[in-house]
Amino acid sequence: MVGVARSTAALIAGVSATVAFVVLRTLVAMGGHEPLAIDVWWHDLMVSLTSDVWVVVAWVPAVVGGTLGMIVIGAALIAWLVWRTRRWDAATLAIAMVAVVAIGATMAAVIGRTRPEDSLAESVATSFPSGHTAVATTVAVILALTFRRWYVWVLGAAWVVTMMWSRTYLHAHWLSDVVAGLLEGIAVACFVWVCVDAARARRASRSAAASAGGETTESSVTT
């Protein structure tokens, strides 16, 4: 029952995040992909707070959460899960990371929203949604659902918020871009986790049924 309740909660979270993403995407499209009022306000705030020291600090999560950084971290986490004989959890993380990158990169290329003109990082028109934020969120949610410890949720949330701040502080994304990345990450992580968990449950059920059938046959032969 606990597993069913957890899967139901994850499914609800995934659907809710998807609906919220669609609403945000619609608002951005209705505005001609120009920054929303809250985007402008947040961007101006980040510009006013810009300093050389904090720019260096902001680059740390940007690099760690970049393509190369997440390949290394993702591979290390997957290898660690396999080493701990948690192959299903390793598969969940691997599938979720590949899925979120494929979905996010495709949407960003199709939408082609322009980044802030004063971006200190990337400048190509692939601003919506934020890939850094989406991947960070996906990894954080998968690990939190896997280990179900409060400190994993806290550390994951702190990492995601830091990434969202980093991407806007470097003027690489509008606020709505990183919120979209957050929602995408939650949706992908929850849907992948639910699907893999269901497959694992079916596999366990089949194994149990096969074992029970074998025991019944053996008992009949013995009798």
C-alpha atoms as a PDB file:
ATOM      1  CA  MET A   1       0.000   0.000   0.000  1.00  0.00           C
ATOM      2  CA  VAL A   2       2.871   2.377   0.802  1.00  0.00           C
ATOM      3  CA  GLY A   3       4.386   1.781  -2.636  1.00  0.00           C
ATOM      4  CA  VAL A   4       1.049   2.448  -4.336  1.00  0.00           C
ATOM      5  CA  ALA A   5       0.561   5.683  -2.373  1.00  0.00           C
ATOM      6  CA  ARG A   6       4.081   6.818  -3.261  1.00  0.00           C
ATOM      7  CA  SER A   7       3.537   6.090  -6.952  1.00  0.00           C
ATOM      8  CA  THR A   8       0.195   7.893  -6.872  1.00  0.00           C
ATOM      9  CA  ALA A   9       1.790  10.946  -5.241  1.00  0.00           C
ATOM     10  CA  ALA A  10       4.591  10.953  -7.830  1.00  0.00           C
ATOM     11  CA  LEU A  11       2.077  10.648 -10.661  1.00  0.00           C
ATOM     12  CA  ILE A  12       0.016  13.551  -9.309  1.00  0.00           C
ATOM     13  CA  ALA A  13       3.176  15.658  -8.972  1.00  0.00           C
ATOM     14  CA  GLY A  14       4.184  14.802 -12.526  1.00  0.00           C
ATOM     15  CA  VAL A  15       0.779  15.698 -13.966  1.00  0.00           C
ATOM     16  CA  SER A  16       0.629  18.931 -11.944  1.00  0.00           C
ATOM     17  CA  ALA A  17       4.091  19.966 -13.127  1.00  0.00           C
ATOM     18  CA  THR A  18       3.138  19.201 -16.723  1.00  0.00           C
ATOM     19  CA  VAL A  19      -0.025  21.314 -16.518  1.00  0.00           C
ATOM     20  CA  ALA A  20       1.905  24.184 -14.919  1.00  0.00           C
ATOM     21  CA  PHE A  21       4.557  23.931 -17.641  1.00  0.00           C
ATOM     22  CA  VAL A  22       1.910  24.111 -20.383  1.00  0.00           C
ATOM     23  CA  VAL A  23       0.349  27.185 -18.747  1.00  0.00           C
ATOM     24  CA  LEU A  24       3.735  28.915 -18.480  1.00  0.00           C
ATOM     25  CA  ARG A  25       4.624  27.963 -22.049  1.00  0.00           C
ATOM     26  CA  THR A  26       1.324  29.435 -23.233  1.00  0.00           C
ATOM     27  CA  LEU A  27       1.947  32.700 -21.396  1.00  0.00           C
ATOM     28  CA  VAL A  28       5.404  32.988 -22.940  1.00  0.00           C
ATOM     29  CA  ALA A  29       4.036  32.227 -26.423  1.00  0.00           C
ATOM     30  CA  MET A  30       1.242  34.774 -26.015  1.00  0.00           C
ATOM     31  CA  GLY A  31       3.881  37.375 -25.205  1.00  0.00           C
ATOM     32  CA  GLY A  32       5.753  36.636 -28.420  1.00  0.00           C
ATOM     33  CA  HIS A  33       8.524  34.907 -26.437  1.00  0.00           C
ATOM     34  CA  GLU A  34       9.509  38.283 -25.006  1.00  0.00           C
ATOM     35  CA  PRO A  35      10.354  38.435 -21.282  1.00  0.00           C
ATOM     36  CA  LEU A  36       7.379  38.582 -18.937  1.00  0.00           C
ATOM     37  CA  ALA A  37       7.012  41.441 -16.480  1.00  0.00           C
ATOM     38  CA  ILE A  38       8.351  39.296 -13.652  1.00  0.00           C
ATOM     39  CA  ASP A  39      11.288  38.276 -15.880  1.00  0.00           C
ATOM     40  CA  VAL A  40      12.251  41.910 -16.371  1.00  0.00           C
ATOM     41  CA  TRP A  41      11.909  42.656 -12.658  1.00  0.00           C
ATOM     42  CA  TRP A  42      14.067  39.685 -11.637  1.00  0.00           C
ATOM     43  CA  HIS A  43      16.650  40.369 -14.336  1.00  0.00           C
ATOM     44  CA  ASP A  44      17.012  43.988 -13.256  1.00  0.00           C
ATOM     45  CA  LEU A  45      17.422  42.817  -9.647  1.00  0.00           C
ATOM     46  CA  MET A  46      20.173  40.373 -10.625  1.00  0.00           C
ATOM     47  CA  VAL A  47      21.933  43.091 -12.655  1.00  0.00           C
ATOM     48  CA  SER A  48      21.830  45.476  -9.718  1.00  0.00           C
ATOM     49  CA  LEU A  49      23.389  42.820  -7.465  1.00  0.00           C
ATOM     50  CA  THR A  50      26.111  41.755  -9.909  1.00  0.00           C
ATOM     51  CA  SER A  51      29.660  41.693  -8.531  1.00  0.00           C
ATOM     52  CA  ASP A  52      32.858  39.991  -9.684  1.00  0.00           C
ATOM     53  CA  VAL A  53      32.970  37.720  -6.634  1.00  0.00           C
ATOM     54  CA  TRP A  54      29.402  36.474  -6.988  1.00  0.00           C
ATOM     55  CA  VAL A  55      29.821  35.980 -10.722  1.00  0.00           C
ATOM     56  CA  VAL A  56      32.648  33.545  -9.959  1.00  0.00           C
ATOM     57  CA  VAL A  57      30.448  31.817  -7.369  1.00  0.00           C
ATOM     58  CA  ALA A  58      27.586  31.592  -9.865  1.00  0.00           C
ATOM     59  CA  TRP A  59      29.854  29.944 -12.423  1.00  0.00           C
ATOM     60  CA  VAL A  60      30.498  26.985 -10.082  1.00  0.00           C
ATOM     61  CA  PRO A  61      27.014  25.386 -10.341  1.00  0.00           C
ATOM     62  CA  ALA A  62      26.857  26.464 -13.998  1.00  0.00           C
ATOM     63  CA  VAL A  63      29.992  24.436 -14.784  1.00  0.00           C
ATOM     64  CA  VAL A  64      29.194  21.521 -12.462  1.00  0.00           C
ATOM     65  CA  GLY A  65      25.671  21.355 -13.863  1.00  0.00           C
ATOM     66  CA  GLY A  66      26.788  21.771 -17.466  1.00  0.00           C
ATOM     67  CA  THR A  67      26.933  19.043 -20.093  1.00  0.00           C
ATOM     68  CA  LEU A  68      30.342  17.622 -19.164  1.00  0.00           C
ATOM     69  CA  GLY A  69      29.778  18.048 -15.440  1.00  0.00           C
ATOM     70  CA  MET A  70      26.440  16.224 -15.453  1.00  0.00           C
ATOM     71  CA  ILE A  71      27.810  13.414 -17.639  1.00  0.00           C
ATOM     72  CA  VAL A  72      30.529  12.807 -15.070  1.00  0.00           C
ATOM     73  CA  ILE A  73      28.220  13.168 -12.069  1.00  0.00           C
ATOM     74  CA  GLY A  74      25.455  11.118 -13.679  1.00  0.00           C
ATOM     75  CA  ALA A  75      27.853   8.326 -14.611  1.00  0.00           C
ATOM     76  CA  ALA A  76      29.301   8.321 -11.095  1.00  0.00           C
ATOM     77  CA  LEU A  77      25.857   8.144  -9.491  1.00  0.00           C
ATOM     78  CA  ILE A  78      24.702   5.374 -11.826  1.00  0.00           C
ATOM     79  CA  ALA A  79      27.895   3.377 -11.192  1.00  0.00           C
ATOM     80  CA  TRP A  80      27.460   3.847  -7.437  1.00  0.00           C
ATOM     81  CA  LEU A  81      23.863   2.597  -7.573  1.00  0.00           C
ATOM     82  CA  VAL A  82      24.937  -0.446  -9.609  1.00  0.00           C
ATOM     83  CA  TRP A  83      27.735  -1.105  -7.124  1.00  0.00           C
ATOM     84  CA  ARG A  84      25.137  -1.051  -4.357  1.00  0.00           C
ATOM     85  CA  THR A  85      23.147  -3.622  -6.372  1.00  0.00           C
ATOM     86  CA  ARG A  86      20.366  -1.095  -6.996  1.00  0.00           C
ATOM     87  CA  ARG A  87      20.214  -1.732 -10.735  1.00  0.00           C
ATOM     88  CA  TRP A  88      16.580  -0.657 -11.091  1.00  0.00           C
ATOM     89  CA  ASP A  89      17.366   2.664  -9.427  1.00  0.00           C
ATOM     90  CA  ALA A  90      20.431   3.089 -11.652  1.00  0.00           C
ATOM     91  CA  ALA A  91      18.264   2.442 -14.710  1.00  0.00           C
ATOM     92  CA  THR A  92      15.678   4.955 -13.465  1.00  0.00           C
ATOM     93  CA  LEU A  93      18.291   7.694 -13.100  1.00  0.00           C
ATOM     94  CA  ALA A  94      19.879   6.926 -16.480  1.00  0.00           C
ATOM     95  CA  ILE A  95      16.562   6.901 -18.343  1.00  0.00           C
ATOM     96  CA  ALA A  96      15.385  10.096 -16.627  1.00  0.00           C
ATOM     97  CA  MET A  97      18.587  11.997 -17.428  1.00  0.00           C
ATOM     98  CA  VAL A  98      18.539  10.984 -21.081  1.00  0.00           C
ATOM     99  CA  ALA A  99      14.827  11.783 -21.361  1.00  0.00           C
ATOM    100  CA  VAL A 100      15.023  15.229 -19.755  1.00  0.00           C
ATOM    101  CA  VAL A 101      17.939  16.278 -21.980  1.00  0.00           C
ATOM    102  CA  ALA A 102      16.264  14.971 -25.148  1.00  0.00           C
ATOM    103  CA  ILE A 103      12.929  16.611 -24.353  1.00  0.00           C
ATOM    104  CA  GLY A 104      14.378  19.874 -23.080  1.00  0.00           C
ATOM    105  CA  ALA A 105      16.897  20.338 -25.898  1.00  0.00           C
ATOM    106  CA  THR A 106      14.233  19.661 -28.520  1.00  0.00           C
ATOM    107  CA  MET A 107      11.775  22.120 -26.969  1.00  0.00           C
ATOM    108  CA  ALA A 108      14.443  24.787 -26.533  1.00  0.00           C
ATOM    109  CA  ALA A 109      15.504  24.483 -30.184  1.00  0.00           C
ATOM    110  CA  VAL A 110      11.921  24.585 -31.466  1.00  0.00           C
ATOM    111  CA  ILE A 111      10.814  27.456 -29.214  1.00  0.00           C
ATOM    112  CA  GLY A 112      14.003  29.436 -29.863  1.00  0.00           C
ATOM    113  CA  ARG A 113      13.481  32.017 -27.142  1.00  0.00           C
ATOM    114  CA  THR A 114      16.240  34.623 -27.015  1.00  0.00           C
ATOM    115  CA  ARG A 115      18.337  34.914 -23.872  1.00  0.00           C
ATOM    116  CA  PRO A 116      18.966  38.252 -22.162  1.00  0.00           C
ATOM    117  CA  GLU A 117      21.215  40.441 -24.328  1.00  0.00           C
ATOM    118  CA  ASP A 118      23.716  40.870 -21.479  1.00  0.00           C
ATOM    119  CA  SER A 119      24.161  37.126 -20.894  1.00  0.00           C
ATOM    120  CA  LEU A 120      27.486  36.276 -19.281  1.00  0.00           C
ATOM    121  CA  ALA A 121      27.216  32.677 -20.440  1.00  0.00           C
ATOM    122  CA  GLU A 122      25.532  31.178 -23.512  1.00  0.00           C
ATOM    123  CA  SER A 123      24.004  33.474 -26.112  1.00  0.00           C
ATOM    124  CA  VAL A 124      22.256  31.070 -28.526  1.00  0.00           C
ATOM    125  CA  ALA A 125      18.460  31.228 -28.738  1.00  0.00           C
ATOM    126  CA  THR A 126      17.701  28.127 -26.667  1.00  0.00           C
ATOM    127  CA  SER A 127      16.606  29.813 -23.500  1.00  0.00           C
ATOM    128  CA  PHE A 128      13.259  28.133 -22.727  1.00  0.00           C
ATOM    129  CA  PRO A 129      13.351  25.868 -20.750  1.00  0.00           C
ATOM    130  CA  SER A 130      16.611  26.011 -18.804  1.00  0.00           C
ATOM    131  CA  GLY A 131      18.490  22.767 -19.438  1.00  0.00           C
ATOM    132  CA  HIS A 132      20.765  23.181 -16.417  1.00  0.00           C
ATOM    133  CA  THR A 133      17.756  23.555 -14.124  1.00  0.00           C
ATOM    134  CA  ALA A 134      15.831  20.692 -15.716  1.00  0.00           C
ATOM    135  CA  VAL A 135      18.690  18.208 -15.331  1.00  0.00           C
ATOM    136  CA  ALA A 136      19.480  19.352 -11.781  1.00  0.00           C
ATOM    137  CA  THR A 137      15.826  18.942 -10.812  1.00  0.00           C
ATOM    138  CA  THR A 138      15.541  15.535 -12.442  1.00  0.00           C
ATOM    139  CA  VAL A 139      18.555  14.153 -10.599  1.00  0.00           C
ATOM    140  CA  ALA A 140      17.413  15.670  -7.296  1.00  0.00           C
ATOM    141  CA  VAL A 141      13.867  14.288  -7.558  1.00  0.00           C
ATOM    142  CA  ILE A 142      14.983  10.807  -8.665  1.00  0.00           C
ATOM    143  CA  LEU A 143      17.420  10.546  -5.759  1.00  0.00           C
ATOM    144  CA  ALA A 144      14.808  11.857  -3.308  1.00  0.00           C
ATOM    145  CA  LEU A 145      12.192   9.358  -4.517  1.00  0.00           C
ATOM    146  CA  THR A 146      14.769   6.576  -4.394  1.00  0.00           C
ATOM    147  CA  PHE A 147      16.179   7.112  -0.910  1.00  0.00           C
ATOM    148  CA  ARG A 148      13.185   8.804   0.753  1.00  0.00           C
ATOM    149  CA  ARG A 149      15.232  10.677   3.351  1.00  0.00           C
ATOM    150  CA  TRP A 150      14.395  14.228   4.393  1.00  0.00           C
ATOM    151  CA  TYR A 151      17.990  15.391   4.017  1.00  0.00           C
ATOM    152  CA  VAL A 152      18.088  14.138   0.417  1.00  0.00           C
ATOM    153  CA  TRP A 153      15.053  16.318  -0.320  1.00  0.00           C
ATOM    154  CA  VAL A 154      16.656  19.307   1.439  1.00  0.00           C
ATOM    155  CA  LEU A 155      20.014  18.936  -0.322  1.00  0.00           C
ATOM    156  CA  GLY A 156      18.266  18.385  -3.650  1.00  0.00           C
ATOM    157  CA  ALA A 157      16.069  21.449  -3.217  1.00  0.00           C
ATOM    158  CA  ALA A 158      19.094  23.556  -2.225  1.00  0.00           C
ATOM    159  CA  TRP A 159      20.980  22.419  -5.328  1.00  0.00           C
ATOM    160  CA  VAL A 160      18.065  23.205  -7.640  1.00  0.00           C
ATOM    161  CA  VAL A 161      17.479  26.654  -6.130  1.00  0.00           C
ATOM    162  CA  THR A 162      21.199  27.393  -6.389  1.00  0.00           C
ATOM    163  CA  MET A 163      21.158  26.374 -10.046  1.00  0.00           C
ATOM    164  CA  MET A 164      18.133  28.574 -10.759  1.00  0.00           C
ATOM    165  CA  TRP A 165      19.856  31.505  -9.088  1.00  0.00           C
ATOM    166  CA  SER A 166      23.112  30.835 -10.958  1.00  0.00           C
ATOM    167  CA  ARG A 167      21.482  30.799 -14.387  1.00  0.00           C
ATOM    168  CA  THR A 168      19.626  34.059 -13.794  1.00  0.00           C
ATOM    169  CA  TYR A 169      22.529  35.741 -11.986  1.00  0.00           C
ATOM    170  CA  LEU A 170      24.711  35.064 -15.032  1.00  0.00           C
ATOM    171  CA  HIS A 171      21.867  36.543 -17.127  1.00  0.00           C
ATOM    172  CA  ALA A 172      21.818  33.304 -19.160  1.00  0.00           C
ATOM    173  CA  HIS A 173      18.084  32.807 -18.600  1.00  0.00           C
ATOM    174  CA  TRP A 174      14.935  34.676 -17.752  1.00  0.00           C
ATOM    175  CA  LEU A 175      13.199  33.714 -14.521  1.00  0.00           C
ATOM    176  CA  SER A 176      10.415  31.980 -16.453  1.00  0.00           C
ATOM    177  CA  ASP A 177      13.058  29.867 -18.237  1.00  0.00           C
ATOM    178  CA  VAL A 178      14.395  28.382 -15.011  1.00  0.00           C
ATOM    179  CA  VAL A 179      10.880  27.879 -13.614  1.00  0.00           C
ATOM    180  CA  ALA A 180      10.053  25.996 -16.820  1.00  0.00           C
ATOM    181  CA  GLY A 181      13.193  23.892 -16.335  1.00  0.00           C
ATOM    182  CA  LEU A 182      12.109  23.138 -12.778  1.00  0.00           C
ATOM    183  CA  LEU A 183       8.673  21.996 -13.933  1.00  0.00           C
ATOM    184  CA  GLU A 184      10.111  19.922 -16.774  1.00  0.00           C
ATOM    185  CA  GLY A 185      12.522  18.210 -14.400  1.00  0.00           C
ATOM    186  CA  ILE A 186       9.789  17.365 -11.903  1.00  0.00           C
ATOM    187  CA  ALA A 187       7.500  15.997 -14.621  1.00  0.00           C
ATOM    188  CA  VAL A 188      10.149  13.853 -16.311  1.00  0.00           C
ATOM    189  CA  ALA A 189      11.553  12.507 -13.036  1.00  0.00           C
ATOM    190  CA  CYS A 190       8.122  11.600 -11.668  1.00  0.00           C
ATOM    191  CA  PHE A 191       6.853   9.956 -14.858  1.00  0.00           C
ATOM    192  CA  VAL A 192      10.037   7.931 -15.396  1.00  0.00           C
ATOM    193  CA  TRP A 193      10.124   6.876 -11.749  1.00  0.00           C
ATOM    194  CA  VAL A 194       6.479   5.745 -11.833  1.00  0.00           C
ATOM    195  CA  CYS A 195       6.971   3.786 -15.071  1.00  0.00           C
ATOM    196  CA  VAL A 196      10.148   2.020 -13.939  1.00  0.00           C
ATOM    197  CA  ASP A 197       8.655   1.309 -10.503  1.00  0.00           C
ATOM    198  CA  ALA A 198       5.612  -0.279 -12.171  1.00  0.00           C
ATOM    199  CA  ALA A 199       7.886  -2.414 -14.358  1.00  0.00           C
ATOM    200  CA  ARG A 200       9.855  -3.481 -11.306  1.00  0.00           C
ATOM    201  CA  ALA A 201       6.654  -4.404  -9.466  1.00  0.00           C
ATOM    202  CA  ARG A 202       5.433  -6.475 -12.432  1.00  0.00           C
ATOM    203  CA  ARG A 203       8.799  -8.242 -12.635  1.00  0.00           C
ATOM    204  CA  ALA A 204       8.679  -9.040  -8.926  1.00  0.00           C
ATOM    205  CA  SER A 205       5.092 -10.289  -9.255  1.00  0.00           C
ATOM    206  CA  ARG A 206       6.009 -12.597 -12.143  1.00  0.00           C
ATOM    207  CA  SER A 207       9.014 -13.942 -10.245  1.00  0.00           C
ATOM    208  CA  ALA A 208       6.858 -14.599  -7.182  1.00  0.00           C
ATOM    209  CA  ALA A 209       4.223 -16.352  -9.293  1.00  0.00           C
ATOM    210  CA  ALA A 210       6.874 -18.470 -11.023  1.00  0.00           C
ATOM    211  CA  SER A 211       8.393 -19.445  -7.677  1.00  0.00           C
ATOM    212  CA  ALA A 212       4.974 -20.323  -6.273  1.00  0.00           C
ATOM    213  CA  GLY A 213       4.218 -22.421  -9.376  1.00  0.00           C
ATOM    214  CA  GLY A 214       7.511 -24.253  -9.067  1.00  0.00           C
ATOM    215  CA  GLU A 215       6.906 -25.022  -5.418  1.00  0.00           C
ATOM    216  CA  THR A 216       3.399 -26.318  -6.204  1.00  0.00           C
ATOM    217  CA  THR A 217       4.744 -28.600  -8.957  1.00  0.00           C
ATOM    218  CA  GLU A 218       7.498 -29.905  -6.721  1.00  0.00           C
ATOM    219  CA  SER A 219       4.988 -30.567  -3.944  1.00  0.00           C
ATOM    220  CA  SER A 220       2.715 -32.488  -6.333  1.00  0.00           C
ATOM    221  CA  VAL A 221       5.597 -34.648  -7.572  1.00  0.00           C
ATOM    222  CA  THR A 222       6.685 -35.395  -4.029  1.00  0.00           C
ATOM    223  CA  THR A 223       3.129 -36.368  -3.060  1.00  0.00           C
END
